[in-house]
Amino acid sequence: MTLITAKPDRYISFCGMDCDGDASRMMSYINQAMEIGGNRWIPYFEEKLDEKAKMGHDDLCFIGSQMNNLRSFMKETGNEEGLSLLEHLEETFC
């Protein structure tokens, strides 16, 4: 019988981690910031989200491939919660 530790080790398994839920929450932050507008990153992410849809990539794959750009976007929009979640995603899943 295998026991899940208090802090799961991503190098062994993602079991017990909410990858999809955390990635979905990050996508909500991205979409909210895009709806507000007025940021230089919006056209870039509109294009990248279209590509994501065409290629059928999941949210976590998209976030992992756009980590640095997303960090800049969240900083420029002043979204501290988004930055915190992005850091969590990077440290935990990427």
N, C-alpha and C. Protein backbone atom coordinates (compact mmCIF):
# COMPACT_ATOMS: atom_id res chain seq x y z
N MET A 1 0.84 -1.18 0.00
CA MET A 1 0.00 0.00 0.00
C MET A 1 0.89 1.25 0.00
N THR A 2 0.62 2.18 -0.91
CA THR A 2 1.39 3.41 -1.01
C THR A 2 0.64 4.53 -0.32
N LEU A 3 1.32 5.25 0.55
CA LEU A 3 0.73 6.39 1.24
C LEU A 3 1.11 7.67 0.53
N ILE A 4 0.18 8.61 0.45
CA ILE A 4 0.46 9.93 -0.12
C ILE A 4 1.01 10.80 1.00
N THR A 5 2.16 11.38 0.77
CA THR A 5 2.77 12.24 1.77
C THR A 5 2.03 13.57 1.84
N ALA A 6 2.29 14.33 2.89
CA ALA A 6 1.64 15.63 3.06
C ALA A 6 1.97 16.57 1.91
N LYS A 7 3.19 16.48 1.41
CA LYS A 7 3.58 17.31 0.28
C LYS A 7 3.95 16.38 -0.87
N PRO A 8 3.07 16.24 -1.86
CA PRO A 8 3.34 15.32 -2.97
C PRO A 8 4.62 15.70 -3.71
N ASP A 9 5.31 14.70 -4.21
CA ASP A 9 6.53 14.91 -4.97
C ASP A 9 6.21 14.78 -6.45
N ARG A 10 6.27 15.89 -7.17
CA ARG A 10 5.89 15.88 -8.58
C ARG A 10 6.78 14.98 -9.42
N TYR A 11 7.98 14.66 -8.94
CA TYR A 11 8.86 13.81 -9.72
C TYR A 11 8.48 12.34 -9.61
N ILE A 12 7.64 12.03 -8.65
CA ILE A 12 7.14 10.67 -8.52
C ILE A 12 5.77 10.56 -9.17
N SER A 13 4.89 11.50 -8.88
CA SER A 13 3.53 11.45 -9.40
C SER A 13 2.83 12.79 -9.17
N PHE A 14 1.88 13.09 -10.04
CA PHE A 14 1.04 14.26 -9.83
C PHE A 14 -0.19 13.89 -9.00
N CYS A 15 -0.22 12.66 -8.50
CA CYS A 15 -1.34 12.19 -7.70
C CYS A 15 -1.54 13.11 -6.49
N GLY A 16 -2.75 13.51 -6.27
CA GLY A 16 -3.07 14.37 -5.14
C GLY A 16 -2.88 15.86 -5.42
N MET A 17 -2.46 16.19 -6.63
CA MET A 17 -2.27 17.60 -7.02
C MET A 17 -3.37 18.00 -7.98
N ASP A 18 -3.84 19.22 -7.85
CA ASP A 18 -4.93 19.70 -8.71
C ASP A 18 -4.37 20.48 -9.90
N CYS A 19 -3.68 19.78 -10.77
CA CYS A 19 -3.06 20.40 -11.95
C CYS A 19 -4.09 21.16 -12.78
N ASP A 20 -5.15 20.47 -13.15
CA ASP A 20 -6.15 21.07 -14.03
C ASP A 20 -6.87 22.24 -13.36
N GLY A 21 -7.19 22.09 -12.08
CA GLY A 21 -7.89 23.16 -11.37
C GLY A 21 -7.04 24.41 -11.25
N ASP A 22 -5.75 24.23 -10.89
CA ASP A 22 -4.86 25.38 -10.77
C ASP A 22 -4.63 26.04 -12.12
N ALA A 23 -4.46 25.23 -13.17
CA ALA A 23 -4.26 25.78 -14.51
C ALA A 23 -5.51 26.52 -14.97
N SER A 24 -6.67 25.99 -14.66
CA SER A 24 -7.93 26.64 -15.03
C SER A 24 -8.08 27.99 -14.32
N ARG A 25 -7.70 28.04 -13.05
CA ARG A 25 -7.75 29.31 -12.33
C ARG A 25 -6.80 30.34 -12.95
N MET A 26 -5.62 29.89 -13.38
CA MET A 26 -4.68 30.80 -14.03
C MET A 26 -5.25 31.31 -15.34
N MET A 27 -5.90 30.45 -16.08
CA MET A 27 -6.52 30.88 -17.35
C MET A 27 -7.60 31.92 -17.08
N SER A 28 -8.30 31.80 -15.96
CA SER A 28 -9.31 32.81 -15.60
C SER A 28 -8.67 34.17 -15.37
N TYR A 29 -7.52 34.18 -14.68
CA TYR A 29 -6.80 35.44 -14.47
C TYR A 29 -6.36 36.05 -15.80
N ILE A 30 -5.89 35.21 -16.71
CA ILE A 30 -5.47 35.70 -18.02
C ILE A 30 -6.66 36.30 -18.76
N ASN A 31 -7.76 35.57 -18.79
CA ASN A 31 -8.96 36.05 -19.50
C ASN A 31 -9.51 37.33 -18.89
N GLN A 32 -9.51 37.43 -17.57
CA GLN A 32 -9.99 38.65 -16.91
C GLN A 32 -9.13 39.85 -17.29
N ALA A 33 -7.82 39.67 -17.28
CA ALA A 33 -6.91 40.76 -17.64
C ALA A 33 -7.09 41.17 -19.09
N MET A 34 -7.35 40.20 -19.97
CA MET A 34 -7.55 40.51 -21.39
C MET A 34 -8.86 41.27 -21.59
N GLU A 35 -9.89 40.93 -20.82
CA GLU A 35 -11.17 41.62 -20.93
C GLU A 35 -11.08 43.08 -20.50
N ILE A 36 -10.24 43.36 -19.51
CA ILE A 36 -10.05 44.74 -19.04
C ILE A 36 -9.41 45.58 -20.13
N GLY A 37 -8.46 44.98 -20.84
CA GLY A 37 -7.81 45.67 -21.96
C GLY A 37 -6.73 46.63 -21.52
N GLY A 38 -6.21 47.37 -22.50
CA GLY A 38 -5.23 48.40 -22.24
C GLY A 38 -3.85 47.90 -21.89
N ASN A 39 -3.48 46.73 -22.35
CA ASN A 39 -2.16 46.19 -22.04
C ASN A 39 -1.51 45.70 -23.32
N ARG A 40 -0.21 45.92 -23.44
CA ARG A 40 0.52 45.56 -24.66
C ARG A 40 0.57 44.06 -24.93
N TRP A 41 0.32 43.25 -23.89
CA TRP A 41 0.40 41.80 -24.05
C TRP A 41 -0.86 41.19 -24.67
N ILE A 42 -1.94 41.93 -24.70
CA ILE A 42 -3.21 41.36 -25.15
C ILE A 42 -3.16 40.81 -26.57
N PRO A 43 -2.66 41.56 -27.56
CA PRO A 43 -2.60 40.98 -28.91
C PRO A 43 -1.73 39.71 -28.97
N TYR A 44 -0.66 39.72 -28.22
CA TYR A 44 0.22 38.54 -28.18
C TYR A 44 -0.54 37.32 -27.66
N PHE A 45 -1.23 37.49 -26.53
CA PHE A 45 -1.94 36.36 -25.96
C PHE A 45 -3.18 35.97 -26.76
N GLU A 46 -3.81 36.90 -27.44
CA GLU A 46 -4.91 36.53 -28.35
C GLU A 46 -4.40 35.56 -29.40
N GLU A 47 -3.25 35.86 -29.97
CA GLU A 47 -2.66 34.99 -30.99
C GLU A 47 -2.26 33.64 -30.40
N LYS A 48 -1.62 33.66 -29.24
CA LYS A 48 -1.17 32.41 -28.62
C LYS A 48 -2.34 31.54 -28.16
N LEU A 49 -3.41 32.14 -27.70
CA LEU A 49 -4.59 31.36 -27.30
C LEU A 49 -5.28 30.75 -28.51
N ASP A 50 -5.27 31.46 -29.64
CA ASP A 50 -5.79 30.87 -30.88
C ASP A 50 -4.96 29.67 -31.30
N GLU A 51 -3.64 29.80 -31.20
CA GLU A 51 -2.75 28.68 -31.53
C GLU A 51 -2.98 27.51 -30.58
N LYS A 52 -3.16 27.81 -29.31
CA LYS A 52 -3.43 26.77 -28.30
C LYS A 52 -4.66 25.97 -28.70
N ALA A 53 -5.72 26.68 -29.07
CA ALA A 53 -6.96 26.01 -29.45
C ALA A 53 -6.77 25.14 -30.70
N LYS A 54 -6.07 25.67 -31.69
CA LYS A 54 -5.84 24.91 -32.93
C LYS A 54 -5.01 23.66 -32.69
N MET A 55 -4.03 23.75 -31.80
CA MET A 55 -3.16 22.61 -31.54
C MET A 55 -3.74 21.65 -30.50
N GLY A 56 -4.78 22.08 -29.80
CA GLY A 56 -5.42 21.22 -28.81
C GLY A 56 -4.61 21.04 -27.54
N HIS A 57 -3.76 22.02 -27.23
CA HIS A 57 -2.97 21.94 -26.00
C HIS A 57 -3.85 22.25 -24.79
N ASP A 58 -3.53 21.60 -23.68
CA ASP A 58 -4.28 21.88 -22.46
C ASP A 58 -3.73 23.14 -21.79
N ASP A 59 -4.43 23.58 -20.76
CA ASP A 59 -4.07 24.83 -20.09
C ASP A 59 -2.69 24.79 -19.47
N LEU A 60 -2.34 23.67 -18.83
CA LEU A 60 -1.04 23.59 -18.16
C LEU A 60 0.10 23.65 -19.17
N CYS A 61 -0.06 23.01 -20.31
CA CYS A 61 0.95 23.07 -21.37
C CYS A 61 1.12 24.52 -21.84
N PHE A 62 0.02 25.20 -22.06
CA PHE A 62 0.07 26.60 -22.49
C PHE A 62 0.78 27.47 -21.46
N ILE A 63 0.41 27.32 -20.20
CA ILE A 63 1.00 28.14 -19.14
C ILE A 63 2.50 27.86 -19.03
N GLY A 64 2.87 26.61 -19.08
CA GLY A 64 4.29 26.26 -18.99
C GLY A 64 5.11 26.84 -20.13
N SER A 65 4.52 26.89 -21.31
CA SER A 65 5.25 27.43 -22.46
C SER A 65 5.27 28.95 -22.50
N GLN A 66 4.44 29.59 -21.70
CA GLN A 66 4.35 31.06 -21.70
C GLN A 66 4.72 31.67 -20.34
N MET A 67 5.42 30.91 -19.53
CA MET A 67 5.68 31.31 -18.13
C MET A 67 6.25 32.72 -18.01
N ASN A 68 7.32 33.02 -18.71
CA ASN A 68 7.95 34.35 -18.57
C ASN A 68 7.05 35.46 -19.08
N ASN A 69 6.39 35.23 -20.20
CA ASN A 69 5.48 36.24 -20.74
C ASN A 69 4.28 36.46 -19.82
N LEU A 70 3.77 35.38 -19.26
CA LEU A 70 2.65 35.50 -18.32
C LEU A 70 3.08 36.25 -17.06
N ARG A 71 4.29 36.01 -16.61
CA ARG A 71 4.79 36.72 -15.43
C ARG A 71 4.80 38.23 -15.71
N SER A 72 5.31 38.62 -16.87
CA SER A 72 5.33 40.04 -17.23
C SER A 72 3.93 40.61 -17.34
N PHE A 73 3.03 39.84 -17.95
CA PHE A 73 1.64 40.27 -18.11
C PHE A 73 0.98 40.49 -16.76
N MET A 74 1.14 39.53 -15.85
CA MET A 74 0.54 39.66 -14.52
C MET A 74 1.14 40.83 -13.74
N LYS A 75 2.44 41.03 -13.87
CA LYS A 75 3.09 42.17 -13.20
C LYS A 75 2.54 43.48 -13.74
N GLU A 76 2.45 43.59 -15.05
CA GLU A 76 1.99 44.84 -15.67
C GLU A 76 0.53 45.14 -15.36
N THR A 77 -0.26 44.10 -15.14
CA THR A 77 -1.67 44.33 -14.80
C THR A 77 -1.87 44.45 -13.29
N GLY A 78 -0.79 44.27 -12.53
CA GLY A 78 -0.87 44.40 -11.08
C GLY A 78 -1.63 43.28 -10.40
N ASN A 79 -1.67 42.13 -11.03
CA ASN A 79 -2.43 41.00 -10.50
C ASN A 79 -1.53 40.15 -9.59
N GLU A 80 -1.51 40.49 -8.31
CA GLU A 80 -0.68 39.77 -7.35
C GLU A 80 -1.15 38.34 -7.13
N GLU A 81 -2.45 38.12 -7.17
CA GLU A 81 -2.96 36.75 -7.02
C GLU A 81 -2.54 35.89 -8.21
N GLY A 82 -2.62 36.48 -9.39
CA GLY A 82 -2.17 35.77 -10.59
C GLY A 82 -0.69 35.44 -10.54
N LEU A 83 0.11 36.38 -10.07
CA LEU A 83 1.55 36.14 -9.92
C LEU A 83 1.83 35.03 -8.93
N SER A 84 1.12 35.04 -7.83
CA SER A 84 1.30 34.01 -6.82
C SER A 84 0.92 32.63 -7.36
N LEU A 85 -0.18 32.56 -8.06
CA LEU A 85 -0.62 31.29 -8.64
C LEU A 85 0.37 30.84 -9.72
N LEU A 86 0.86 31.76 -10.51
CA LEU A 86 1.83 31.42 -11.55
C LEU A 86 3.10 30.84 -10.93
N GLU A 87 3.56 31.43 -9.84
CA GLU A 87 4.74 30.92 -9.14
C GLU A 87 4.46 29.50 -8.62
N HIS A 88 3.27 29.32 -8.06
CA HIS A 88 2.89 27.98 -7.57
C HIS A 88 2.90 26.97 -8.73
N LEU A 89 2.33 27.34 -9.86
CA LEU A 89 2.29 26.45 -11.01
C LEU A 89 3.70 26.10 -11.48
N GLU A 90 4.57 27.09 -11.53
CA GLU A 90 5.93 26.85 -11.98
C GLU A 90 6.68 25.92 -11.02
N GLU A 91 6.57 26.20 -9.75
CA GLU A 91 7.28 25.41 -8.75
C GLU A 91 6.72 24.01 -8.60
N THR A 92 5.42 23.86 -8.79
CA THR A 92 4.77 22.58 -8.53
C THR A 92 4.68 21.69 -9.76
N PHE A 93 4.40 22.27 -10.92
CA PHE A 93 4.08 21.45 -12.09
C PHE A 93 5.04 21.58 -13.26
N CYS A 94 5.78 22.65 -13.35
CA CYS A 94 6.60 22.86 -14.55
C CYS A 94 8.06 22.53 -14.33
